[in-house]
Amino acid sequence: MALQKLSHATLRVPDLEKSVEYHKSVLCLEEVTRADGTVYLTCGIDGMFDVALTAGGTGCESLAIAADDEEDLTRIRKAVEAAGVAVRDMSDCEPGVARAIEFDLPPQGQKMQIVLIDESHRQHYYSPGARQKNLRGGLAPQDLDHITLRAGSDVTTTMNFLCDVIGFRASDVVEFPGGQGRMAAWLHVGDYHHDVAMFAGAPHETLDHLAWTFPNIEHMKMMLDQMANSDVETEAGPGRHGVGNNLYSYFITPDGNRYELSGEMPRCVDRKAGPKLWRADEPGIFSAWGAPFPESFKTGS
């Protein structure tokens, strides 16, 4: 029994058709299907959708973590209900999802789903050289990488819920100066450094960024060139993070949500090791190469 990885996310966008066109023509994703005012798009590697877009503002509507089997769903349902949080069965599952449960993450209320992927989409591993969909999307990201949420004025509540109730492990934690609460945390369920991260933010913010996997910095450069040719400016990067140490480049989509191009994510091989603790005023958290923390990063969507 195990949780696998971040499967997909649903984001709110102000203009659905313009957003779909941007994701297809600039980010090179492929539309999978539409249902009930939601459009599902994929990178193509595993055939599953990676992001769903729905009209109505900005931010994170929901995120989904893939599970191994029914026992995982039963175990997590019991743990979430024991923590006093209501669990909903998703009777009308999304494309490629066989079964799912859903609950609201404290304190911001993003919907979190634990999903069983339909057998038609499950393989022991997925080959980047054999896309199941989006066969001509050579410039597209390889996969959905991670999501970073906005979790209120202190991320401790969300971090503890995910770790103590769902089974996440913390890789890095940033404490406010003086140790009064936590400003940020990076958590994982699989082998990679983070599947879900979180930053402190304003009460109305739910999303810091959604990140996409790129195989190397050369591929990232080509995507950044394509975005620049579409009048989308880079917000930060390319660079290498201090926390996590992955390659990064950030931009704000025309929808108003922040995306990250991510590469070379390190693996967490010692599951018994505790997280690395940082102070918020420590240098090197954002960039291992010395780039300053961008002023624009103080806000999410």
Protein backbone atom coordinates (compact mmCIF):
# COMPACT_ATOMS: atom_id res chain seq x y z
CA MET A 1 0.00 0.00 0.00
CA ALA A 2 1.32 3.43 -0.92
CA LEU A 3 0.58 6.84 -2.29
CA GLN A 4 2.34 7.40 -5.59
CA LYS A 5 2.61 11.02 -6.75
CA LEU A 6 0.71 14.14 -7.67
CA SER A 7 -1.70 12.96 -10.38
CA HIS A 8 -3.44 16.15 -11.50
CA ALA A 9 -4.74 19.53 -10.43
CA THR A 10 -7.74 21.68 -11.25
CA LEU A 11 -7.17 25.42 -11.58
CA ARG A 12 -9.62 28.29 -11.86
CA VAL A 13 -9.17 30.67 -14.80
CA PRO A 14 -11.04 33.86 -15.71
CA ASP A 15 -11.61 33.05 -19.41
CA LEU A 16 -11.83 29.33 -20.10
CA GLU A 17 -11.53 29.36 -23.90
CA LYS A 18 -8.57 31.77 -23.93
CA SER A 19 -6.87 29.67 -21.28
CA VAL A 20 -7.38 26.44 -23.20
CA GLU A 21 -5.94 28.01 -26.33
CA TYR A 22 -2.89 29.23 -24.40
CA HIS A 23 -2.25 25.81 -22.86
CA LYS A 24 -2.53 24.14 -26.25
CA SER A 25 -0.69 26.60 -28.50
CA VAL A 26 2.05 27.81 -26.12
CA LEU A 27 2.54 25.07 -23.53
CA CYS A 28 1.85 22.38 -26.15
CA LEU A 29 -0.60 20.38 -24.05
CA GLU A 30 -3.34 18.33 -25.69
CA GLU A 31 -7.02 18.57 -24.86
CA VAL A 32 -8.34 15.21 -23.64
CA THR A 33 -12.03 15.95 -23.18
CA ARG A 34 -14.58 18.41 -21.78
CA ALA A 35 -17.31 17.84 -19.22
CA ASP A 36 -19.55 20.11 -17.14
CA GLY A 37 -17.63 23.29 -17.89
CA THR A 38 -14.20 21.77 -17.25
CA VAL A 39 -11.50 21.15 -19.86
CA TYR A 40 -8.92 18.39 -19.27
CA LEU A 41 -5.42 18.63 -20.79
CA THR A 42 -2.42 16.31 -20.85
CA CYS A 43 1.33 16.31 -21.45
CA GLY A 44 0.80 12.84 -22.88
CA ILE A 45 3.33 10.54 -21.24
CA ASP A 46 0.91 8.43 -19.18
CA GLY A 47 -2.25 9.21 -21.13
CA MET A 48 -3.90 10.74 -18.02
CA PHE A 49 -4.92 14.38 -17.88
CA ASP A 50 -2.50 16.57 -15.91
CA VAL A 51 -4.41 19.80 -15.46
CA ALA A 52 -8.10 20.65 -15.60
CA LEU A 53 -9.29 24.21 -16.17
CA THR A 54 -12.58 25.63 -14.98
CA ALA A 55 -13.95 29.16 -15.29
CA GLY A 56 -14.18 31.41 -12.26
CA GLY A 57 -11.28 33.56 -11.05
CA THR A 58 -7.83 32.16 -10.30
CA GLY A 59 -6.19 29.72 -7.89
CA CYS A 60 -6.33 26.05 -7.00
CA GLU A 61 -9.71 24.33 -7.02
CA SER A 62 -8.36 20.84 -6.25
CA LEU A 63 -5.34 18.55 -6.35
CA ALA A 64 -5.21 14.78 -6.63
CA ILE A 65 -2.73 12.23 -5.28
CA ALA A 66 -2.69 8.80 -6.89
CA ALA A 67 -2.97 5.74 -4.63
CA ASP A 68 -2.10 2.09 -5.17
CA ASP A 69 -5.35 0.38 -4.24
CA GLU A 70 -8.70 0.36 -2.45
CA GLU A 71 -7.01 -0.25 0.89
CA ASP A 72 -5.28 3.13 0.58
CA LEU A 73 -8.62 4.87 0.06
CA THR A 74 -10.14 3.08 3.05
CA ARG A 75 -7.17 3.82 5.29
CA ILE A 76 -7.06 7.51 4.38
CA ARG A 77 -10.83 7.89 4.68
CA LYS A 78 -10.68 6.58 8.25
CA ALA A 79 -7.75 8.82 9.15
CA VAL A 80 -9.33 11.97 7.66
CA GLU A 81 -12.68 11.32 9.35
CA ALA A 82 -10.90 10.64 12.65
CA ALA A 83 -9.29 14.08 12.27
CA GLY A 84 -12.78 15.62 12.09
CA VAL A 85 -12.79 16.36 8.35
CA ALA A 86 -15.69 15.21 6.17
CA VAL A 87 -14.92 12.86 3.28
CA ARG A 88 -16.90 12.79 0.04
CA ASP A 89 -17.10 9.95 -2.49
CA MET A 90 -16.65 11.18 -6.03
CA SER A 91 -19.51 9.39 -7.71
CA ASP A 92 -18.87 10.98 -11.12
CA CYS A 93 -15.15 10.45 -11.52
CA GLU A 94 -12.94 12.47 -13.83
CA PRO A 95 -11.36 11.05 -17.02
CA GLY A 96 -9.06 8.12 -16.30
CA VAL A 97 -10.06 7.93 -12.62
CA ALA A 98 -11.70 4.69 -11.48
CA ARG A 99 -12.59 5.82 -7.96
CA ALA A 100 -11.78 8.70 -5.64
CA ILE A 101 -12.44 10.28 -2.27
CA GLU A 102 -12.30 14.02 -1.65
CA PHE A 103 -11.97 16.31 1.37
CA ASP A 104 -11.10 19.94 2.12
CA LEU A 105 -7.58 20.85 3.20
CA PRO A 106 -7.40 23.02 6.31
CA PRO A 107 -7.38 25.98 6.56
CA GLN A 108 -7.76 27.29 2.97
CA GLY A 109 -10.27 24.71 1.73
CA GLN A 110 -8.55 23.46 -1.42
CA LYS A 111 -10.18 20.18 -2.38
CA MET A 112 -7.80 17.23 -2.08
CA GLN A 113 -8.54 13.94 -3.79
CA ILE A 114 -7.04 10.50 -3.33
CA VAL A 115 -7.61 8.70 -6.62
CA LEU A 116 -7.32 5.26 -8.12
CA ILE A 117 -6.23 5.49 -11.73
CA ASP A 118 -8.22 3.39 -14.17
CA GLU A 119 -6.50 0.12 -15.12
CA SER A 120 -6.33 1.20 -18.77
CA HIS A 121 -3.86 3.95 -17.77
CA ARG A 122 -1.74 2.05 -15.25
CA GLN A 123 1.74 0.78 -16.06
CA HIS A 124 4.71 -0.15 -13.92
CA TYR A 125 6.60 2.76 -15.49
CA TYR A 126 6.06 5.33 -18.22
CA SER A 127 8.56 5.94 -21.00
CA PRO A 128 9.21 9.56 -22.05
CA GLY A 129 10.04 8.17 -25.50
CA ALA A 130 6.61 6.58 -25.95
CA ARG A 131 3.89 9.15 -25.37
CA GLN A 132 0.45 7.62 -25.03
CA LYS A 133 -1.21 10.89 -26.04
CA ASN A 134 -0.03 14.22 -27.45
CA LEU A 135 2.18 12.29 -29.86
CA ARG A 136 3.52 15.43 -31.55
CA GLY A 137 3.99 17.44 -28.36
CA GLY A 138 7.77 17.34 -28.42
CA LEU A 139 8.06 20.72 -26.73
CA ALA A 140 5.46 19.89 -24.07
CA PRO A 141 6.48 19.17 -20.47
CA GLN A 142 7.18 15.54 -19.67
CA ASP A 143 4.70 15.45 -16.80
CA LEU A 144 3.08 17.38 -14.01
CA ASP A 145 5.81 17.84 -11.40
CA HIS A 146 4.41 19.33 -8.18
CA ILE A 147 2.02 21.89 -6.78
CA THR A 148 2.76 24.61 -4.24
CA LEU A 149 -0.22 25.87 -2.29
CA ARG A 150 -0.89 29.00 -0.29
CA ALA A 151 -1.80 27.80 3.20
CA GLY A 152 -2.80 30.81 5.29
CA SER A 153 -0.60 32.87 7.61
CA ASP A 154 1.23 29.80 8.99
CA VAL A 155 1.67 26.55 7.04
CA THR A 156 1.83 24.41 10.19
CA THR A 157 -1.85 23.40 10.07
CA THR A 158 -1.72 22.17 6.47
CA MET A 159 1.71 20.57 6.90
CA ASN A 160 0.69 18.64 10.01
CA PHE A 161 -2.55 17.46 8.41
CA LEU A 162 -0.77 16.13 5.32
CA CYS A 163 2.00 14.48 7.35
CA ASP A 164 0.06 13.15 10.35
CA VAL A 165 -3.18 12.21 8.60
CA ILE A 166 -2.39 11.50 4.93
CA GLY A 167 1.16 10.14 5.24
CA PHE A 168 3.34 12.79 3.61
CA ARG A 169 6.93 13.33 4.75
CA ALA A 170 8.62 16.72 5.08
CA SER A 171 11.83 17.33 3.12
CA ASP A 172 12.47 20.98 4.09
CA VAL A 173 10.74 23.40 6.44
CA VAL A 174 11.29 27.16 6.65
CA GLU A 175 10.53 28.71 10.03
CA PHE A 176 9.65 32.33 10.63
CA PRO A 177 12.44 34.32 12.34
CA GLY A 178 12.42 33.44 16.01
CA GLY A 179 10.84 30.06 15.32
CA GLN A 180 7.30 31.42 15.68
CA GLY A 181 5.49 29.23 13.16
CA ARG A 182 6.41 27.98 9.73
CA MET A 183 6.59 30.05 6.57
CA ALA A 184 7.00 27.20 4.05
CA ALA A 185 7.26 23.43 3.77
CA TRP A 186 8.07 20.89 1.04
CA LEU A 187 6.43 17.45 1.35
CA HIS A 188 6.61 14.19 -0.58
CA VAL A 189 4.79 10.86 -0.82
CA GLY A 190 7.10 9.28 -3.40
CA ASP A 191 10.85 9.35 -3.91
CA TYR A 192 11.19 12.89 -5.23
CA HIS A 193 11.87 15.91 -3.02
CA HIS A 194 8.36 17.32 -3.12
CA ASP A 195 4.97 16.49 -4.56
CA VAL A 196 3.13 19.18 -2.59
CA ALA A 197 4.71 22.28 -1.09
CA MET A 198 3.15 25.27 0.66
CA PHE A 199 3.90 28.90 1.44
CA ALA A 200 2.24 31.23 3.88
CA GLY A 201 -0.04 33.69 2.15
CA ALA A 202 -3.07 35.94 2.34
CA PRO A 203 -6.45 34.48 3.37
CA HIS A 204 -7.84 34.61 -0.19
CA GLU A 205 -4.83 32.88 -1.84
CA THR A 206 -4.93 29.15 -2.62
CA LEU A 207 -2.13 28.64 -5.18
CA ASP A 208 1.49 29.71 -5.30
CA HIS A 209 2.40 27.76 -8.42
CA LEU A 210 1.89 24.63 -10.49
CA ALA A 211 5.11 23.04 -11.75
CA TRP A 212 5.86 21.05 -14.90
CA THR A 213 8.69 18.54 -15.40
CA PHE A 214 11.32 19.29 -18.04
CA PRO A 215 14.20 16.89 -18.75
CA ASN A 216 16.97 19.49 -18.82
CA ILE A 217 17.75 23.18 -19.01
CA GLU A 218 18.02 23.09 -22.82
CA HIS A 219 14.41 21.96 -23.10
CA MET A 220 13.41 24.64 -20.59
CA LYS A 221 15.15 27.29 -22.70
CA MET A 222 13.16 26.32 -25.77
CA MET A 223 9.90 26.59 -23.85
CA LEU A 224 10.94 29.99 -22.45
CA ASP A 225 11.73 31.14 -26.00
CA GLN A 226 8.30 30.01 -27.13
CA MET A 227 6.63 31.85 -24.26
CA ALA A 228 8.60 35.01 -25.01
CA ASN A 229 7.46 34.82 -28.63
CA SER A 230 3.91 34.68 -27.25
CA ASP A 231 4.48 37.82 -25.12
CA VAL A 232 4.69 35.96 -21.79
CA GLU A 233 7.63 37.22 -19.75
CA THR A 234 9.73 35.14 -17.37
CA GLU A 235 9.15 36.11 -13.74
CA ALA A 236 12.29 34.45 -12.32
CA GLY A 237 15.05 32.15 -13.52
CA PRO A 238 16.32 30.03 -15.04
CA GLY A 239 18.14 29.07 -11.85
CA ARG A 240 18.68 26.38 -9.24
CA HIS A 241 16.83 26.46 -5.95
CA GLY A 242 18.56 26.24 -2.59
CA VAL A 243 15.68 24.32 -1.03
CA GLY A 244 15.07 21.25 -3.20
CA ASN A 245 17.97 22.13 -5.53
CA ASN A 246 15.85 21.58 -8.66
CA LEU A 247 16.19 23.78 -11.74
CA TYR A 248 13.47 26.41 -12.01
CA SER A 249 11.97 29.11 -14.15
CA TYR A 250 8.73 30.89 -13.27
CA PHE A 251 6.15 32.85 -15.22
CA ILE A 252 2.62 34.16 -14.74
CA THR A 253 0.19 32.74 -17.26
CA PRO A 254 -2.28 35.09 -18.98
CA ASP A 255 -4.84 33.56 -16.57
CA GLY A 256 -3.06 35.07 -13.56
CA ASN A 257 -1.75 31.77 -12.12
CA ARG A 258 1.98 31.16 -11.62
CA TYR A 259 3.64 28.21 -13.36
CA GLU A 260 7.12 26.78 -12.86
CA LEU A 261 9.28 24.87 -15.31
CA SER A 262 11.13 22.36 -13.12
CA GLY A 263 14.00 19.97 -13.76
CA GLU A 264 16.53 17.75 -12.00
CA MET A 265 14.36 17.19 -8.93
CA PRO A 266 16.46 15.30 -6.34
CA ARG A 267 15.31 12.05 -4.77
CA CYS A 268 14.70 11.46 -1.06
CA VAL A 269 16.18 8.02 -0.46
CA ASP A 270 16.27 7.99 3.36
CA ARG A 271 12.65 7.95 4.52
CA LYS A 272 13.68 7.93 8.20
CA ALA A 273 15.63 11.18 7.96
CA GLY A 274 13.97 14.30 9.32
CA PRO A 275 13.46 17.49 7.31
CA LYS A 276 16.12 20.15 6.92
CA LEU A 277 15.14 23.24 8.92
CA TRP A 278 15.75 26.75 7.60
CA ARG A 279 15.16 30.23 9.04
CA ALA A 280 13.21 32.60 6.83
CA ASP A 281 16.10 35.11 6.91
CA GLU A 282 18.73 32.54 5.89
CA PRO A 283 20.47 33.15 2.56
CA GLY A 284 20.28 30.62 -0.23
CA ILE A 285 16.73 29.38 0.31
CA PHE A 286 15.41 30.60 -3.02
CA SER A 287 18.53 30.33 -5.16
CA ALA A 288 21.67 28.24 -4.79
CA TRP A 289 23.27 30.63 -7.30
CA GLY A 290 22.59 33.79 -5.32
CA ALA A 291 19.57 35.22 -7.15
CA PRO A 292 17.39 37.38 -4.88
CA PHE A 293 13.89 36.38 -3.85
CA PRO A 294 11.60 38.12 -6.37
CA GLU A 295 9.33 40.80 -4.89
CA SER A 296 6.45 39.48 -6.99
CA PHE A 297 6.66 36.12 -5.17
CA LYS A 298 4.98 37.68 -2.15
CA THR A 299 1.60 37.11 -3.78
CA GLY A 300 -0.16 34.01 -5.06
CA SER A 301 -3.54 33.43 -6.73
